[in-house]
Amino acid sequence: MLSALIILVIGIIIGWNWPQPPWARDAQNKVVAWIRSLLSK
């Protein structure tokens, strides 16, 4: 589970600067918000 999360985060960082379809942008925003909520605890 943790390795899948790490791979997802790396993929988001790599793909950050390329154009994204709306669904990918929404998914990215949800993941970023979730990670920020975990880090702020």
N, C-alpha and C. Protein backbone atom coordinates (compact mmCIF):
# COMPACT_ATOMS: atom_id res chain seq x y z
N MET A 1 0.82 -1.19 0.00
CA MET A 1 0.00 0.00 0.00
C MET A 1 0.86 1.25 0.00
N LEU A 2 1.88 1.26 0.86
CA LEU A 2 2.75 2.43 0.94
C LEU A 2 3.53 2.62 -0.35
N SER A 3 3.99 1.52 -0.94
CA SER A 3 4.75 1.65 -2.19
C SER A 3 3.86 2.19 -3.32
N ALA A 4 2.58 1.79 -3.33
CA ALA A 4 1.66 2.31 -4.34
C ALA A 4 1.47 3.81 -4.16
N LEU A 5 1.38 4.26 -2.92
CA LEU A 5 1.24 5.69 -2.63
C LEU A 5 2.48 6.46 -3.08
N ILE A 6 3.65 5.90 -2.81
CA ILE A 6 4.90 6.56 -3.22
C ILE A 6 4.98 6.65 -4.74
N ILE A 7 4.63 5.59 -5.44
CA ILE A 7 4.64 5.61 -6.91
C ILE A 7 3.66 6.64 -7.43
N LEU A 8 2.49 6.72 -6.82
CA LEU A 8 1.49 7.71 -7.22
C LEU A 8 2.01 9.13 -7.03
N VAL A 9 2.65 9.39 -5.91
CA VAL A 9 3.20 10.72 -5.63
C VAL A 9 4.30 11.06 -6.63
N ILE A 10 5.18 10.13 -6.93
CA ILE A 10 6.24 10.37 -7.92
C ILE A 10 5.63 10.64 -9.28
N GLY A 11 4.61 9.89 -9.66
CA GLY A 11 3.93 10.12 -10.94
C GLY A 11 3.30 11.50 -11.02
N ILE A 12 2.71 11.94 -9.90
CA ILE A 12 2.11 13.28 -9.87
C ILE A 12 3.19 14.34 -10.04
N ILE A 13 4.31 14.17 -9.36
CA ILE A 13 5.40 15.16 -9.46
C ILE A 13 5.96 15.20 -10.87
N ILE A 14 6.15 14.04 -11.49
CA ILE A 14 6.69 14.00 -12.85
C ILE A 14 5.71 14.61 -13.83
N GLY A 15 4.42 14.31 -13.67
CA GLY A 15 3.41 14.79 -14.60
C GLY A 15 2.88 16.17 -14.30
N TRP A 16 3.43 16.82 -13.32
CA TRP A 16 2.89 18.09 -12.86
C TRP A 16 2.85 19.14 -13.96
N ASN A 17 3.86 19.19 -14.83
CA ASN A 17 4.00 20.28 -15.80
C ASN A 17 3.37 19.98 -17.16
N TRP A 18 2.88 18.76 -17.36
CA TRP A 18 2.23 18.43 -18.62
C TRP A 18 0.75 18.74 -18.55
N PRO A 19 0.12 19.04 -19.70
CA PRO A 19 -1.33 19.30 -19.68
C PRO A 19 -2.08 18.08 -19.15
N GLN A 20 -3.10 18.32 -18.38
CA GLN A 20 -3.85 17.23 -17.76
C GLN A 20 -5.32 17.33 -18.13
N PRO A 21 -5.96 16.19 -18.35
CA PRO A 21 -7.42 16.22 -18.52
C PRO A 21 -8.07 16.60 -17.18
N PRO A 22 -9.29 17.10 -17.22
CA PRO A 22 -9.95 17.56 -15.98
C PRO A 22 -10.04 16.50 -14.89
N TRP A 23 -10.29 15.24 -15.26
CA TRP A 23 -10.41 14.21 -14.23
C TRP A 23 -9.07 13.99 -13.52
N ALA A 24 -7.96 14.12 -14.26
CA ALA A 24 -6.64 13.94 -13.64
C ALA A 24 -6.34 15.11 -12.70
N ARG A 25 -6.75 16.30 -13.10
CA ARG A 25 -6.54 17.47 -12.25
C ARG A 25 -7.33 17.34 -10.96
N ASP A 26 -8.57 16.86 -11.07
CA ASP A 26 -9.40 16.65 -9.87
C ASP A 26 -8.78 15.60 -8.95
N ALA A 27 -8.31 14.50 -9.54
CA ALA A 27 -7.69 13.45 -8.74
C ALA A 27 -6.43 13.97 -8.06
N GLN A 28 -5.64 14.74 -8.77
CA GLN A 28 -4.42 15.30 -8.21
C GLN A 28 -4.74 16.22 -7.04
N ASN A 29 -5.75 17.06 -7.20
CA ASN A 29 -6.13 17.97 -6.13
C ASN A 29 -6.59 17.21 -4.89
N LYS A 30 -7.32 16.12 -5.08
CA LYS A 30 -7.78 15.32 -3.94
C LYS A 30 -6.60 14.68 -3.22
N VAL A 31 -5.65 14.14 -3.99
CA VAL A 31 -4.49 13.49 -3.38
C VAL A 31 -3.64 14.51 -2.64
N VAL A 32 -3.41 15.66 -3.26
CA VAL A 32 -2.60 16.69 -2.62
C VAL A 32 -3.27 17.17 -1.33
N ALA A 33 -4.58 17.37 -1.37
CA ALA A 33 -5.30 17.80 -0.17
C ALA A 33 -5.22 16.73 0.94
N TRP A 34 -5.31 15.46 0.53
CA TRP A 34 -5.22 14.36 1.50
C TRP A 34 -3.85 14.30 2.15
N ILE A 35 -2.79 14.45 1.33
CA ILE A 35 -1.43 14.42 1.86
C ILE A 35 -1.19 15.61 2.78
N ARG A 36 -1.68 16.78 2.39
CA ARG A 36 -1.53 17.95 3.25
C ARG A 36 -2.25 17.77 4.57
N SER A 37 -3.42 17.12 4.55
CA SER A 37 -4.14 16.90 5.80
C SER A 37 -3.39 15.92 6.69
N LEU A 38 -2.72 14.93 6.08
CA LEU A 38 -1.93 13.99 6.87
C LEU A 38 -0.72 14.69 7.48
N LEU A 39 -0.08 15.57 6.72
CA LEU A 39 1.12 16.23 7.21
C LEU A 39 0.81 17.30 8.26
N SER A 40 -0.39 17.85 8.24
CA SER A 40 -0.72 18.92 9.16
C SER A 40 -1.16 18.41 10.53
N LYS A 41 -1.33 17.09 10.67
CA LYS A 41 -1.76 16.51 11.96
C LYS A 41 -0.62 16.48 12.96
